[in-house]
N, C-alpha and C. Protein backbone atom coordinates (compact mmCIF):
# COMPACT_ATOMS: atom_id res chain seq x y z
N MET A 1 -1.56 -12.48 15.66
CA MET A 1 -2.83 -12.56 14.95
C MET A 1 -3.02 -11.32 14.06
N ILE A 2 -3.32 -11.54 12.81
CA ILE A 2 -3.57 -10.45 11.87
C ILE A 2 -5.05 -10.12 11.89
N ARG A 3 -5.38 -8.92 12.30
CA ARG A 3 -6.79 -8.50 12.36
C ARG A 3 -7.15 -7.77 11.07
N VAL A 4 -8.28 -8.17 10.52
CA VAL A 4 -8.69 -7.66 9.20
C VAL A 4 -10.06 -7.00 9.28
N LEU A 5 -10.19 -5.86 8.63
CA LEU A 5 -11.47 -5.18 8.43
C LEU A 5 -11.84 -5.32 6.97
N LEU A 6 -13.04 -5.88 6.70
CA LEU A 6 -13.53 -6.05 5.33
C LEU A 6 -14.48 -4.91 4.99
N VAL A 7 -14.22 -4.23 3.86
CA VAL A 7 -15.04 -3.08 3.47
C VAL A 7 -15.46 -3.25 2.02
N ASP A 8 -16.73 -3.59 1.80
CA ASP A 8 -17.26 -3.78 0.46
C ASP A 8 -18.77 -3.68 0.55
N ASP A 9 -19.39 -3.03 -0.43
CA ASP A 9 -20.84 -2.87 -0.35
C ASP A 9 -21.60 -4.11 -0.86
N GLN A 10 -20.87 -5.13 -1.29
CA GLN A 10 -21.50 -6.36 -1.75
C GLN A 10 -21.37 -7.44 -0.67
N PRO A 11 -22.47 -7.81 -0.02
CA PRO A 11 -22.40 -8.84 1.04
C PRO A 11 -21.80 -10.15 0.57
N LEU A 12 -22.07 -10.52 -0.67
CA LEU A 12 -21.55 -11.79 -1.19
C LEU A 12 -20.03 -11.76 -1.28
N ILE A 13 -19.48 -10.62 -1.70
CA ILE A 13 -18.03 -10.47 -1.77
C ILE A 13 -17.43 -10.56 -0.38
N ARG A 14 -18.02 -9.85 0.56
CA ARG A 14 -17.51 -9.88 1.94
C ARG A 14 -17.55 -11.29 2.52
N SER A 15 -18.65 -11.98 2.30
CA SER A 15 -18.79 -13.32 2.88
C SER A 15 -17.78 -14.29 2.26
N GLY A 16 -17.50 -14.10 0.97
CA GLY A 16 -16.52 -14.96 0.32
C GLY A 16 -15.13 -14.77 0.89
N PHE A 17 -14.71 -13.51 1.04
CA PHE A 17 -13.41 -13.24 1.62
C PHE A 17 -13.36 -13.70 3.08
N ARG A 18 -14.44 -13.48 3.79
CA ARG A 18 -14.45 -13.87 5.21
C ARG A 18 -14.33 -15.38 5.35
N ALA A 19 -14.99 -16.12 4.49
CA ALA A 19 -14.91 -17.58 4.55
C ALA A 19 -13.47 -18.05 4.40
N LEU A 20 -12.73 -17.42 3.50
CA LEU A 20 -11.33 -17.77 3.32
C LEU A 20 -10.49 -17.41 4.55
N LEU A 21 -10.69 -16.19 5.03
CA LEU A 21 -9.88 -15.70 6.15
C LEU A 21 -10.16 -16.44 7.44
N ASP A 22 -11.40 -16.82 7.66
CA ASP A 22 -11.77 -17.49 8.91
C ASP A 22 -11.16 -18.88 9.03
N LEU A 23 -10.69 -19.44 7.93
CA LEU A 23 -10.07 -20.76 7.97
C LEU A 23 -8.62 -20.70 8.44
N GLU A 24 -8.06 -19.50 8.50
CA GLU A 24 -6.65 -19.34 8.84
C GLU A 24 -6.47 -19.09 10.34
N ASP A 25 -5.52 -19.81 10.94
CA ASP A 25 -5.30 -19.68 12.38
C ASP A 25 -4.70 -18.34 12.79
N ASP A 26 -4.00 -17.69 11.85
CA ASP A 26 -3.29 -16.47 12.20
C ASP A 26 -4.00 -15.20 11.72
N ILE A 27 -5.24 -15.35 11.23
CA ILE A 27 -5.99 -14.21 10.71
C ILE A 27 -7.37 -14.17 11.34
N GLU A 28 -7.81 -12.98 11.72
CA GLU A 28 -9.13 -12.81 12.32
C GLU A 28 -9.84 -11.62 11.68
N VAL A 29 -11.04 -11.83 11.18
CA VAL A 29 -11.86 -10.73 10.67
C VAL A 29 -12.55 -10.09 11.87
N VAL A 30 -12.21 -8.85 12.16
CA VAL A 30 -12.73 -8.20 13.35
C VAL A 30 -14.00 -7.41 13.09
N ALA A 31 -14.25 -7.04 11.82
CA ALA A 31 -15.45 -6.25 11.51
C ALA A 31 -15.65 -6.20 10.01
N GLU A 32 -16.88 -5.85 9.61
CA GLU A 32 -17.23 -5.66 8.20
C GLU A 32 -17.98 -4.34 8.06
N ALA A 33 -17.79 -3.71 6.90
CA ALA A 33 -18.49 -2.45 6.62
C ALA A 33 -18.90 -2.45 5.15
N ALA A 34 -20.00 -1.74 4.87
CA ALA A 34 -20.52 -1.66 3.50
C ALA A 34 -20.19 -0.33 2.83
N ASN A 35 -19.56 0.60 3.57
CA ASN A 35 -19.17 1.88 2.99
C ASN A 35 -18.01 2.46 3.78
N GLY A 36 -17.37 3.46 3.19
CA GLY A 36 -16.19 4.03 3.81
C GLY A 36 -16.44 4.73 5.13
N LYS A 37 -17.58 5.36 5.26
CA LYS A 37 -17.89 6.08 6.50
C LYS A 37 -17.93 5.12 7.69
N ASP A 38 -18.63 4.01 7.52
CA ASP A 38 -18.67 3.02 8.59
C ASP A 38 -17.30 2.39 8.81
N ALA A 39 -16.56 2.23 7.71
CA ALA A 39 -15.23 1.62 7.82
C ALA A 39 -14.31 2.46 8.71
N LEU A 40 -14.38 3.78 8.58
CA LEU A 40 -13.53 4.64 9.41
C LEU A 40 -13.83 4.45 10.89
N GLU A 41 -15.10 4.40 11.22
CA GLU A 41 -15.47 4.22 12.63
C GLU A 41 -15.00 2.86 13.15
N LEU A 42 -15.17 1.83 12.33
CA LEU A 42 -14.76 0.50 12.75
C LEU A 42 -13.24 0.38 12.83
N ALA A 43 -12.54 1.07 11.95
CA ALA A 43 -11.08 1.07 12.01
C ALA A 43 -10.59 1.69 13.31
N LYS A 44 -11.22 2.78 13.73
CA LYS A 44 -10.85 3.42 14.99
C LYS A 44 -11.19 2.55 16.19
N GLU A 45 -12.26 1.80 16.07
CA GLU A 45 -12.69 0.94 17.19
C GLU A 45 -11.81 -0.30 17.33
N HIS A 46 -11.47 -0.93 16.20
CA HIS A 46 -10.78 -2.22 16.25
C HIS A 46 -9.29 -2.16 15.95
N LEU A 47 -8.82 -1.08 15.32
CA LEU A 47 -7.41 -0.92 14.96
C LEU A 47 -6.85 -2.17 14.27
N PRO A 48 -7.42 -2.56 13.15
CA PRO A 48 -6.93 -3.75 12.45
C PRO A 48 -5.58 -3.50 11.80
N GLU A 49 -4.84 -4.58 11.55
CA GLU A 49 -3.60 -4.43 10.79
C GLU A 49 -3.90 -4.19 9.32
N ILE A 50 -4.98 -4.80 8.81
CA ILE A 50 -5.32 -4.72 7.39
C ILE A 50 -6.76 -4.25 7.22
N ALA A 51 -6.95 -3.30 6.32
CA ALA A 51 -8.30 -2.93 5.88
C ALA A 51 -8.39 -3.25 4.39
N LEU A 52 -9.21 -4.24 4.05
CA LEU A 52 -9.45 -4.59 2.65
C LEU A 52 -10.61 -3.75 2.17
N VAL A 53 -10.35 -2.80 1.30
CA VAL A 53 -11.32 -1.75 0.97
C VAL A 53 -11.68 -1.77 -0.51
N ASP A 54 -12.95 -1.91 -0.81
CA ASP A 54 -13.42 -1.82 -2.19
C ASP A 54 -13.23 -0.39 -2.68
N ILE A 55 -12.84 -0.24 -3.93
CA ILE A 55 -12.53 1.10 -4.43
C ILE A 55 -13.78 1.91 -4.74
N GLN A 56 -14.89 1.25 -5.10
CA GLN A 56 -16.12 1.95 -5.46
C GLN A 56 -17.23 1.54 -4.50
N MET A 57 -17.65 2.49 -3.66
CA MET A 57 -18.67 2.23 -2.65
C MET A 57 -19.57 3.45 -2.51
N PRO A 58 -20.77 3.27 -1.96
CA PRO A 58 -21.62 4.42 -1.67
C PRO A 58 -21.14 5.16 -0.42
N VAL A 59 -21.67 6.35 -0.22
CA VAL A 59 -21.41 7.20 0.96
C VAL A 59 -19.97 7.76 0.94
N MET A 60 -18.99 6.87 0.95
CA MET A 60 -17.59 7.29 0.85
C MET A 60 -16.82 6.21 0.11
N ASP A 61 -16.16 6.58 -0.99
CA ASP A 61 -15.48 5.57 -1.79
C ASP A 61 -14.15 5.16 -1.19
N GLY A 62 -13.50 4.17 -1.83
CA GLY A 62 -12.27 3.63 -1.29
C GLY A 62 -11.12 4.60 -1.27
N ILE A 63 -11.07 5.52 -2.23
CA ILE A 63 -9.98 6.49 -2.27
C ILE A 63 -10.06 7.45 -1.09
N GLU A 64 -11.24 7.99 -0.84
CA GLU A 64 -11.39 8.92 0.28
C GLU A 64 -11.22 8.19 1.61
N THR A 65 -11.70 6.97 1.68
CA THR A 65 -11.51 6.16 2.90
C THR A 65 -10.03 5.96 3.17
N THR A 66 -9.29 5.62 2.13
CA THR A 66 -7.84 5.43 2.26
C THR A 66 -7.17 6.72 2.71
N ARG A 67 -7.55 7.83 2.09
CA ARG A 67 -6.94 9.12 2.42
C ARG A 67 -7.16 9.47 3.90
N ARG A 68 -8.35 9.22 4.40
CA ARG A 68 -8.66 9.57 5.79
C ARG A 68 -7.96 8.64 6.78
N ILE A 69 -7.86 7.38 6.43
CA ILE A 69 -7.13 6.46 7.30
C ILE A 69 -5.66 6.85 7.34
N ALA A 70 -5.09 7.14 6.17
CA ALA A 70 -3.67 7.49 6.10
C ALA A 70 -3.37 8.80 6.84
N ALA A 71 -4.34 9.70 6.90
CA ALA A 71 -4.13 11.01 7.52
C ALA A 71 -4.32 10.99 9.03
N ASP A 72 -4.84 9.90 9.57
CA ASP A 72 -5.15 9.83 11.00
C ASP A 72 -4.00 9.15 11.74
N PRO A 73 -3.25 9.88 12.58
CA PRO A 73 -2.13 9.27 13.31
C PRO A 73 -2.55 8.08 14.16
N ALA A 74 -3.78 8.08 14.64
CA ALA A 74 -4.26 6.96 15.45
C ALA A 74 -4.41 5.68 14.65
N LEU A 75 -4.44 5.81 13.32
CA LEU A 75 -4.61 4.64 12.45
C LEU A 75 -3.33 4.33 11.67
N ALA A 76 -2.20 4.76 12.20
CA ALA A 76 -0.93 4.57 11.50
C ALA A 76 -0.59 3.11 11.27
N GLY A 77 -1.11 2.24 12.10
CA GLY A 77 -0.82 0.81 11.97
C GLY A 77 -1.76 0.07 11.04
N VAL A 78 -2.70 0.78 10.44
CA VAL A 78 -3.67 0.16 9.54
C VAL A 78 -3.16 0.24 8.10
N HIS A 79 -2.97 -0.92 7.48
CA HIS A 79 -2.51 -0.98 6.09
C HIS A 79 -3.73 -1.20 5.20
N VAL A 80 -3.99 -0.25 4.32
CA VAL A 80 -5.14 -0.33 3.42
C VAL A 80 -4.75 -1.07 2.15
N VAL A 81 -5.51 -2.10 1.83
CA VAL A 81 -5.33 -2.83 0.57
C VAL A 81 -6.61 -2.64 -0.24
N ILE A 82 -6.47 -2.08 -1.42
CA ILE A 82 -7.62 -1.77 -2.26
C ILE A 82 -8.08 -3.02 -3.02
N LEU A 83 -9.39 -3.23 -3.04
CA LEU A 83 -10.00 -4.31 -3.81
C LEU A 83 -10.65 -3.73 -5.06
N THR A 84 -10.38 -4.32 -6.20
CA THR A 84 -10.93 -3.81 -7.44
C THR A 84 -11.28 -4.93 -8.39
N ASN A 85 -12.26 -4.69 -9.25
CA ASN A 85 -12.61 -5.64 -10.30
C ASN A 85 -11.82 -5.42 -11.57
N TYR A 86 -11.13 -4.29 -11.66
CA TYR A 86 -10.65 -3.82 -12.95
C TYR A 86 -9.14 -3.86 -13.13
N GLY A 87 -8.40 -4.37 -12.17
CA GLY A 87 -6.96 -4.38 -12.31
C GLY A 87 -6.39 -2.98 -12.10
N LEU A 88 -5.28 -2.71 -12.75
CA LEU A 88 -4.58 -1.43 -12.56
C LEU A 88 -5.25 -0.35 -13.38
N ASP A 89 -6.04 0.49 -12.73
CA ASP A 89 -6.66 1.61 -13.42
C ASP A 89 -6.35 2.90 -12.66
N GLU A 90 -6.88 4.00 -13.17
CA GLU A 90 -6.55 5.29 -12.58
C GLU A 90 -7.02 5.41 -11.14
N TYR A 91 -8.14 4.76 -10.82
CA TYR A 91 -8.64 4.81 -9.45
C TYR A 91 -7.65 4.15 -8.49
N VAL A 92 -7.08 3.04 -8.93
CA VAL A 92 -6.10 2.35 -8.09
C VAL A 92 -4.89 3.23 -7.86
N PHE A 93 -4.41 3.89 -8.91
CA PHE A 93 -3.26 4.77 -8.75
C PHE A 93 -3.57 5.89 -7.77
N ASP A 94 -4.75 6.48 -7.88
CA ASP A 94 -5.15 7.54 -6.97
C ASP A 94 -5.19 7.03 -5.52
N ALA A 95 -5.62 5.79 -5.35
CA ALA A 95 -5.65 5.20 -4.01
C ALA A 95 -4.24 5.00 -3.47
N LEU A 96 -3.32 4.59 -4.33
CA LEU A 96 -1.93 4.44 -3.89
C LEU A 96 -1.35 5.79 -3.48
N ARG A 97 -1.65 6.82 -4.25
CA ARG A 97 -1.18 8.16 -3.88
C ARG A 97 -1.81 8.62 -2.57
N ALA A 98 -3.01 8.13 -2.29
CA ALA A 98 -3.70 8.51 -1.05
C ALA A 98 -3.15 7.78 0.15
N GLY A 99 -2.37 6.71 -0.07
CA GLY A 99 -1.75 6.02 1.05
C GLY A 99 -2.01 4.53 1.13
N ALA A 100 -2.63 3.93 0.10
CA ALA A 100 -2.87 2.49 0.13
C ALA A 100 -1.55 1.73 0.03
N ALA A 101 -1.52 0.56 0.67
CA ALA A 101 -0.31 -0.26 0.66
C ALA A 101 -0.21 -1.10 -0.60
N GLY A 102 -1.29 -1.19 -1.36
CA GLY A 102 -1.29 -2.00 -2.57
C GLY A 102 -2.72 -2.28 -2.99
N PHE A 103 -2.86 -3.19 -3.94
CA PHE A 103 -4.21 -3.51 -4.39
C PHE A 103 -4.30 -4.97 -4.81
N LEU A 104 -5.52 -5.50 -4.77
CA LEU A 104 -5.80 -6.87 -5.20
C LEU A 104 -7.02 -6.85 -6.11
N VAL A 105 -6.98 -7.67 -7.16
CA VAL A 105 -8.18 -7.86 -7.98
C VAL A 105 -9.04 -8.92 -7.32
N LYS A 106 -10.34 -8.79 -7.45
CA LYS A 106 -11.26 -9.66 -6.70
C LYS A 106 -11.28 -11.09 -7.20
N ASP A 107 -10.77 -11.33 -8.40
CA ASP A 107 -10.73 -12.71 -8.90
C ASP A 107 -9.40 -13.40 -8.60
N ILE A 108 -8.67 -12.88 -7.62
CA ILE A 108 -7.39 -13.46 -7.22
C ILE A 108 -7.59 -14.88 -6.71
N LEU A 109 -6.59 -15.74 -6.92
CA LEU A 109 -6.65 -17.10 -6.40
C LEU A 109 -6.62 -17.07 -4.87
N PRO A 110 -7.35 -17.98 -4.21
CA PRO A 110 -7.41 -17.97 -2.74
C PRO A 110 -6.04 -17.97 -2.07
N GLU A 111 -5.12 -18.83 -2.56
CA GLU A 111 -3.80 -18.89 -1.92
C GLU A 111 -3.03 -17.60 -2.11
N ASP A 112 -3.19 -16.95 -3.24
CA ASP A 112 -2.52 -15.67 -3.47
C ASP A 112 -3.14 -14.57 -2.61
N PHE A 113 -4.45 -14.64 -2.42
CA PHE A 113 -5.14 -13.66 -1.57
C PHE A 113 -4.62 -13.74 -0.14
N LEU A 114 -4.54 -14.95 0.40
CA LEU A 114 -4.08 -15.13 1.78
C LEU A 114 -2.62 -14.70 1.93
N HIS A 115 -1.80 -15.04 0.95
CA HIS A 115 -0.40 -14.61 0.99
C HIS A 115 -0.30 -13.09 0.98
N SER A 116 -1.13 -12.45 0.17
CA SER A 116 -1.09 -10.99 0.06
C SER A 116 -1.48 -10.32 1.36
N VAL A 117 -2.46 -10.87 2.05
CA VAL A 117 -2.86 -10.32 3.34
C VAL A 117 -1.69 -10.36 4.32
N ARG A 118 -0.98 -11.47 4.33
CA ARG A 118 0.16 -11.60 5.24
C ARG A 118 1.30 -10.66 4.85
N VAL A 119 1.52 -10.50 3.55
CA VAL A 119 2.56 -9.57 3.08
C VAL A 119 2.24 -8.14 3.51
N ALA A 120 1.00 -7.73 3.31
CA ALA A 120 0.60 -6.38 3.69
C ALA A 120 0.69 -6.16 5.19
N ALA A 121 0.36 -7.19 5.96
CA ALA A 121 0.42 -7.08 7.43
C ALA A 121 1.85 -6.86 7.92
N ARG A 122 2.82 -7.36 7.17
CA ARG A 122 4.23 -7.15 7.53
C ARG A 122 4.68 -5.73 7.21
N GLY A 123 3.85 -4.99 6.48
CA GLY A 123 4.22 -3.64 6.10
C GLY A 123 4.86 -3.55 4.75
N ASP A 124 4.90 -4.66 4.01
CA ASP A 124 5.46 -4.66 2.67
C ASP A 124 4.39 -4.26 1.66
N ALA A 125 4.80 -3.56 0.62
CA ALA A 125 3.85 -3.12 -0.39
C ALA A 125 3.46 -4.28 -1.30
N LEU A 126 2.19 -4.30 -1.70
CA LEU A 126 1.72 -5.28 -2.66
C LEU A 126 1.93 -4.74 -4.07
N LEU A 127 3.20 -4.54 -4.41
CA LEU A 127 3.56 -4.00 -5.72
C LEU A 127 4.72 -4.82 -6.27
N ALA A 128 4.40 -5.80 -7.07
CA ALA A 128 5.44 -6.58 -7.73
C ALA A 128 6.15 -5.71 -8.74
N PRO A 129 7.36 -6.09 -9.17
CA PRO A 129 8.06 -5.29 -10.17
C PRO A 129 7.22 -5.02 -11.41
N SER A 130 6.45 -6.00 -11.86
CA SER A 130 5.63 -5.79 -13.06
C SER A 130 4.57 -4.72 -12.83
N ILE A 131 4.00 -4.70 -11.63
CA ILE A 131 2.99 -3.69 -11.29
C ILE A 131 3.65 -2.32 -11.20
N THR A 132 4.84 -2.27 -10.61
CA THR A 132 5.56 -1.00 -10.51
C THR A 132 5.82 -0.42 -11.90
N ARG A 133 6.23 -1.28 -12.83
CA ARG A 133 6.49 -0.80 -14.19
C ARG A 133 5.22 -0.25 -14.83
N LYS A 134 4.10 -0.91 -14.59
CA LYS A 134 2.83 -0.42 -15.14
C LYS A 134 2.48 0.93 -14.54
N LEU A 135 2.71 1.08 -13.24
CA LEU A 135 2.45 2.37 -12.61
C LEU A 135 3.28 3.46 -13.26
N ILE A 136 4.56 3.16 -13.47
CA ILE A 136 5.45 4.15 -14.06
C ILE A 136 4.98 4.53 -15.47
N ASN A 137 4.71 3.50 -16.27
CA ASN A 137 4.38 3.73 -17.67
C ASN A 137 3.03 4.41 -17.86
N ARG A 138 2.06 4.10 -17.01
CA ARG A 138 0.71 4.57 -17.26
C ARG A 138 0.32 5.81 -16.47
N TYR A 139 0.92 6.01 -15.29
CA TYR A 139 0.45 7.11 -14.46
C TYR A 139 1.55 8.01 -13.92
N ILE A 140 2.59 7.44 -13.37
CA ILE A 140 3.58 8.27 -12.70
C ILE A 140 4.30 9.18 -13.69
N THR A 141 4.46 8.73 -14.94
CA THR A 141 5.21 9.53 -15.91
C THR A 141 4.40 10.67 -16.50
N ARG A 142 3.12 10.68 -16.29
CA ARG A 142 2.31 11.76 -16.88
C ARG A 142 2.34 12.97 -15.96
N PRO A 143 2.06 14.19 -16.45
CA PRO A 143 2.02 15.37 -15.60
C PRO A 143 0.93 15.23 -14.55
N LEU A 144 1.29 15.51 -13.32
CA LEU A 144 0.33 15.42 -12.22
C LEU A 144 0.49 16.65 -11.33
N PRO A 145 -0.59 17.09 -10.71
CA PRO A 145 -0.45 18.15 -9.72
C PRO A 145 0.40 17.68 -8.56
N THR A 146 1.27 18.53 -8.09
CA THR A 146 2.14 18.14 -7.00
C THR A 146 1.33 17.93 -5.73
N ALA A 147 1.54 16.76 -5.13
CA ALA A 147 0.83 16.44 -3.89
C ALA A 147 1.46 17.19 -2.74
N PRO A 148 0.66 17.53 -1.73
CA PRO A 148 1.21 18.23 -0.57
C PRO A 148 2.36 17.43 0.05
N GLY A 149 3.48 18.08 0.23
CA GLY A 149 4.60 17.41 0.87
C GLY A 149 5.47 16.61 -0.06
N THR A 150 5.08 16.48 -1.34
CA THR A 150 5.86 15.68 -2.27
C THR A 150 7.27 16.23 -2.40
N GLY A 151 8.25 15.35 -2.26
CA GLY A 151 9.64 15.74 -2.43
C GLY A 151 10.28 16.30 -1.18
N THR A 152 9.53 16.67 -0.15
CA THR A 152 10.13 17.20 1.06
C THR A 152 10.93 16.11 1.75
N GLY A 153 12.11 16.48 2.22
CA GLY A 153 12.98 15.52 2.91
C GLY A 153 14.03 14.91 2.02
N LEU A 154 13.97 15.14 0.69
CA LEU A 154 14.96 14.54 -0.21
C LEU A 154 16.38 14.95 0.17
N GLU A 155 16.52 16.20 0.54
CA GLU A 155 17.85 16.70 0.88
C GLU A 155 18.39 16.07 2.16
N GLU A 156 17.51 15.46 2.95
CA GLU A 156 17.94 14.84 4.21
C GLU A 156 18.39 13.40 4.03
N LEU A 157 18.12 12.81 2.86
CA LEU A 157 18.50 11.42 2.64
C LEU A 157 20.01 11.28 2.51
N THR A 158 20.56 10.25 3.14
CA THR A 158 21.97 9.93 2.92
C THR A 158 22.12 9.25 1.55
N GLY A 159 23.33 9.12 1.10
CA GLY A 159 23.57 8.46 -0.17
C GLY A 159 23.04 7.04 -0.19
N ARG A 160 23.23 6.31 0.90
CA ARG A 160 22.76 4.93 0.97
C ARG A 160 21.24 4.86 1.03
N GLU A 161 20.65 5.83 1.69
CA GLU A 161 19.18 5.86 1.74
C GLU A 161 18.60 6.14 0.36
N ARG A 162 19.24 7.05 -0.37
CA ARG A 162 18.79 7.33 -1.74
C ARG A 162 18.90 6.08 -2.61
N GLU A 163 20.01 5.39 -2.46
CA GLU A 163 20.21 4.17 -3.25
C GLU A 163 19.14 3.14 -2.93
N ALA A 164 18.81 3.01 -1.66
CA ALA A 164 17.78 2.05 -1.25
C ALA A 164 16.41 2.44 -1.81
N VAL A 165 16.10 3.73 -1.79
CA VAL A 165 14.82 4.19 -2.31
C VAL A 165 14.71 3.91 -3.81
N VAL A 166 15.80 4.13 -4.54
CA VAL A 166 15.79 3.86 -5.98
C VAL A 166 15.47 2.39 -6.23
N LEU A 167 16.07 1.51 -5.44
CA LEU A 167 15.83 0.07 -5.63
C LEU A 167 14.42 -0.32 -5.22
N VAL A 168 13.90 0.32 -4.19
CA VAL A 168 12.49 0.09 -3.83
C VAL A 168 11.59 0.51 -4.99
N ALA A 169 11.91 1.65 -5.59
CA ALA A 169 11.11 2.15 -6.71
C ALA A 169 11.17 1.23 -7.92
N HIS A 170 12.22 0.42 -8.00
CA HIS A 170 12.33 -0.57 -9.08
C HIS A 170 11.54 -1.83 -8.73
N GLY A 171 10.95 -1.87 -7.54
CA GLY A 171 10.12 -3.00 -7.15
C GLY A 171 10.87 -4.15 -6.50
N LEU A 172 12.10 -3.91 -6.03
CA LEU A 172 12.89 -4.99 -5.45
C LEU A 172 12.54 -5.21 -3.98
N PRO A 173 12.48 -6.46 -3.52
CA PRO A 173 12.29 -6.74 -2.10
C PRO A 173 13.57 -6.51 -1.32
N ASN A 174 13.48 -6.56 0.00
CA ASN A 174 14.64 -6.25 0.85
C ASN A 174 15.84 -7.13 0.57
N ASP A 175 15.62 -8.44 0.35
CA ASP A 175 16.75 -9.35 0.13
C ASP A 175 17.54 -8.95 -1.12
N GLU A 176 16.83 -8.60 -2.19
CA GLU A 176 17.51 -8.22 -3.43
C GLU A 176 18.17 -6.85 -3.28
N ILE A 177 17.53 -5.96 -2.54
CA ILE A 177 18.14 -4.65 -2.27
C ILE A 177 19.44 -4.84 -1.50
N ALA A 178 19.41 -5.73 -0.51
CA ALA A 178 20.61 -6.00 0.28
C ALA A 178 21.73 -6.55 -0.60
N ASP A 179 21.38 -7.45 -1.53
CA ASP A 179 22.39 -8.01 -2.43
C ASP A 179 22.99 -6.93 -3.32
N ARG A 180 22.14 -6.05 -3.85
CA ARG A 180 22.63 -4.99 -4.73
C ARG A 180 23.56 -4.03 -3.98
N MET A 181 23.20 -3.75 -2.72
CA MET A 181 23.95 -2.77 -1.94
C MET A 181 25.09 -3.41 -1.14
N VAL A 182 25.16 -4.75 -1.18
CA VAL A 182 26.18 -5.52 -0.45
C VAL A 182 26.10 -5.21 1.05
N ILE A 183 24.90 -5.32 1.58
CA ILE A 183 24.65 -5.11 3.00
C ILE A 183 23.69 -6.20 3.47
N SER A 184 23.41 -6.25 4.75
CA SER A 184 22.47 -7.25 5.27
C SER A 184 21.04 -6.80 5.00
N PRO A 185 20.09 -7.75 4.93
CA PRO A 185 18.68 -7.38 4.77
C PRO A 185 18.19 -6.44 5.87
N LEU A 186 18.68 -6.64 7.09
CA LEU A 186 18.28 -5.78 8.20
C LEU A 186 18.75 -4.34 7.97
N THR A 187 19.99 -4.19 7.49
CA THR A 187 20.49 -2.84 7.21
C THR A 187 19.73 -2.20 6.06
N ALA A 188 19.39 -3.01 5.05
CA ALA A 188 18.59 -2.49 3.94
C ALA A 188 17.24 -1.99 4.45
N LYS A 189 16.61 -2.78 5.31
CA LYS A 189 15.33 -2.38 5.87
C LYS A 189 15.45 -1.09 6.68
N THR A 190 16.57 -0.96 7.41
CA THR A 190 16.80 0.26 8.20
C THR A 190 16.91 1.48 7.29
N HIS A 191 17.66 1.36 6.20
CA HIS A 191 17.79 2.47 5.25
C HIS A 191 16.41 2.86 4.70
N ILE A 192 15.62 1.86 4.34
CA ILE A 192 14.30 2.12 3.77
C ILE A 192 13.39 2.79 4.78
N ASN A 193 13.38 2.29 6.01
CA ASN A 193 12.52 2.86 7.04
C ASN A 193 12.90 4.31 7.35
N ARG A 194 14.20 4.59 7.38
CA ARG A 194 14.64 5.96 7.63
C ARG A 194 14.24 6.88 6.48
N ALA A 195 14.36 6.37 5.27
CA ALA A 195 13.95 7.17 4.11
C ALA A 195 12.45 7.44 4.14
N MET A 196 11.66 6.44 4.50
CA MET A 196 10.22 6.63 4.59
C MET A 196 9.87 7.71 5.61
N THR A 197 10.59 7.69 6.73
CA THR A 197 10.35 8.70 7.77
C THR A 197 10.68 10.10 7.25
N LYS A 198 11.82 10.23 6.60
CA LYS A 198 12.24 11.54 6.11
C LYS A 198 11.35 12.06 4.98
N LEU A 199 10.82 11.14 4.17
CA LEU A 199 9.97 11.54 3.04
C LEU A 199 8.49 11.55 3.41
N HIS A 200 8.20 11.22 4.67
CA HIS A 200 6.81 11.19 5.15
C HIS A 200 5.97 10.21 4.34
N ALA A 201 6.58 9.09 3.97
CA ALA A 201 5.88 8.04 3.24
C ALA A 201 5.28 7.06 4.23
N ARG A 202 4.02 6.76 4.05
CA ARG A 202 3.32 5.87 4.98
C ARG A 202 3.84 4.43 4.87
N ASP A 203 4.16 4.00 3.66
CA ASP A 203 4.64 2.64 3.45
C ASP A 203 5.42 2.58 2.14
N ARG A 204 5.82 1.38 1.74
CA ARG A 204 6.66 1.23 0.56
C ARG A 204 5.94 1.64 -0.72
N ALA A 205 4.64 1.37 -0.78
CA ALA A 205 3.90 1.75 -1.98
C ALA A 205 3.94 3.26 -2.18
N GLN A 206 3.74 4.00 -1.10
CA GLN A 206 3.79 5.46 -1.22
C GLN A 206 5.21 5.93 -1.48
N LEU A 207 6.19 5.19 -0.96
CA LEU A 207 7.58 5.55 -1.22
C LEU A 207 7.90 5.46 -2.71
N VAL A 208 7.34 4.44 -3.38
CA VAL A 208 7.54 4.30 -4.82
C VAL A 208 6.98 5.52 -5.55
N VAL A 209 5.75 5.89 -5.21
CA VAL A 209 5.11 7.03 -5.86
C VAL A 209 5.91 8.30 -5.60
N LEU A 210 6.31 8.52 -4.36
CA LEU A 210 7.07 9.73 -4.01
C LEU A 210 8.42 9.77 -4.74
N ALA A 211 9.04 8.61 -4.88
CA ALA A 211 10.35 8.55 -5.54
C ALA A 211 10.27 9.07 -6.96
N TYR A 212 9.20 8.69 -7.67
CA TYR A 212 9.05 9.14 -9.05
C TYR A 212 8.52 10.56 -9.14
N GLU A 213 7.53 10.88 -8.34
CA GLU A 213 6.95 12.22 -8.43
C GLU A 213 7.92 13.30 -7.97
N SER A 214 8.83 12.94 -7.07
CA SER A 214 9.79 13.93 -6.58
C SER A 214 10.98 14.09 -7.54
N GLY A 215 11.13 13.15 -8.47
CA GLY A 215 12.25 13.22 -9.40
C GLY A 215 13.47 12.47 -8.92
N LEU A 216 13.43 11.83 -7.74
CA LEU A 216 14.56 11.05 -7.28
C LEU A 216 14.84 9.91 -8.26
N VAL A 217 13.78 9.33 -8.80
CA VAL A 217 13.90 8.29 -9.82
C VAL A 217 13.09 8.75 -11.03
N THR A 218 13.62 8.53 -12.22
CA THR A 218 12.93 8.91 -13.44
C THR A 218 12.77 7.69 -14.32
N PRO A 219 11.74 7.66 -15.17
CA PRO A 219 11.51 6.49 -16.02
C PRO A 219 12.71 6.10 -16.88
N ARG A 220 13.49 7.07 -17.32
CA ARG A 220 14.62 6.74 -18.22
C ARG A 220 15.73 6.01 -17.51
N ASN A 221 15.81 6.14 -16.14
CA ASN A 221 16.85 5.38 -15.46
C ASN A 221 16.27 4.24 -14.64
N SER A 222 14.98 3.92 -14.91
CA SER A 222 14.36 2.81 -14.19
C SER A 222 14.55 1.52 -14.94
C-alpha cells in the first residue's frame, strides 16, 4: 500500500487529488496539511511513502518543507513530489536541489497523476529526459553557489558507477542504462544505488543535479 500525504493550502485542490487517490486499491491518503509546518509533523507521525507538496504555501513553503524532510534521517523513506501551477520554474529547481524526487503540474491528466505517484513510490525520479534537458539548459548550467557536500564522494565512484551516473543524468531509466552498459537491470540499479550512497544523493533526481553541479557531467557532453 502506498501511503500519501497531501500538502496544499487550497482545500479544493486537496479534495480533488484525494478523490482520485481514494479510488485506487493500492494507494491510501493518510493525512492532509495546509502548510509545511503541519506537513512535517504529519510526515513524522504517518511516515508516508509520498508527500505531494505544493510549492507555495503559508507558514512554510514547499522548498523549505522539502529541505527539512530530506534532512531528517527518520523521514528517509518519504519521497517528496512538488506540486506546481507553473511547470518548470526556478522554484521547482530549488526544490529538486533541496531533495524533491520530482514535480507535477496541477493540471496533469488523472491517469498520468496516478502513474507518477506509483513511480515516485518506487524511488524513481519524476524526471523524463525532456525535463532533464530543460533543467540543464535553464538552471544547472548557470553559475550557482556550491551546495554543502556537492561533489563529495566522486573519487570513490568506480568506473562503472560513474558511467551509470552519467546515464542517469541523461534521463535514462534502468532498462536503457542496462542496455547501454551491457549489464542486467538489477546490476544497473546496484551501480546507481551505490553511487547515490557515495554522493549522499537522496534519490535519482538529486543524483542528476549533483552530477552536473559536481562536474561529473557537463552540458557539452550531455
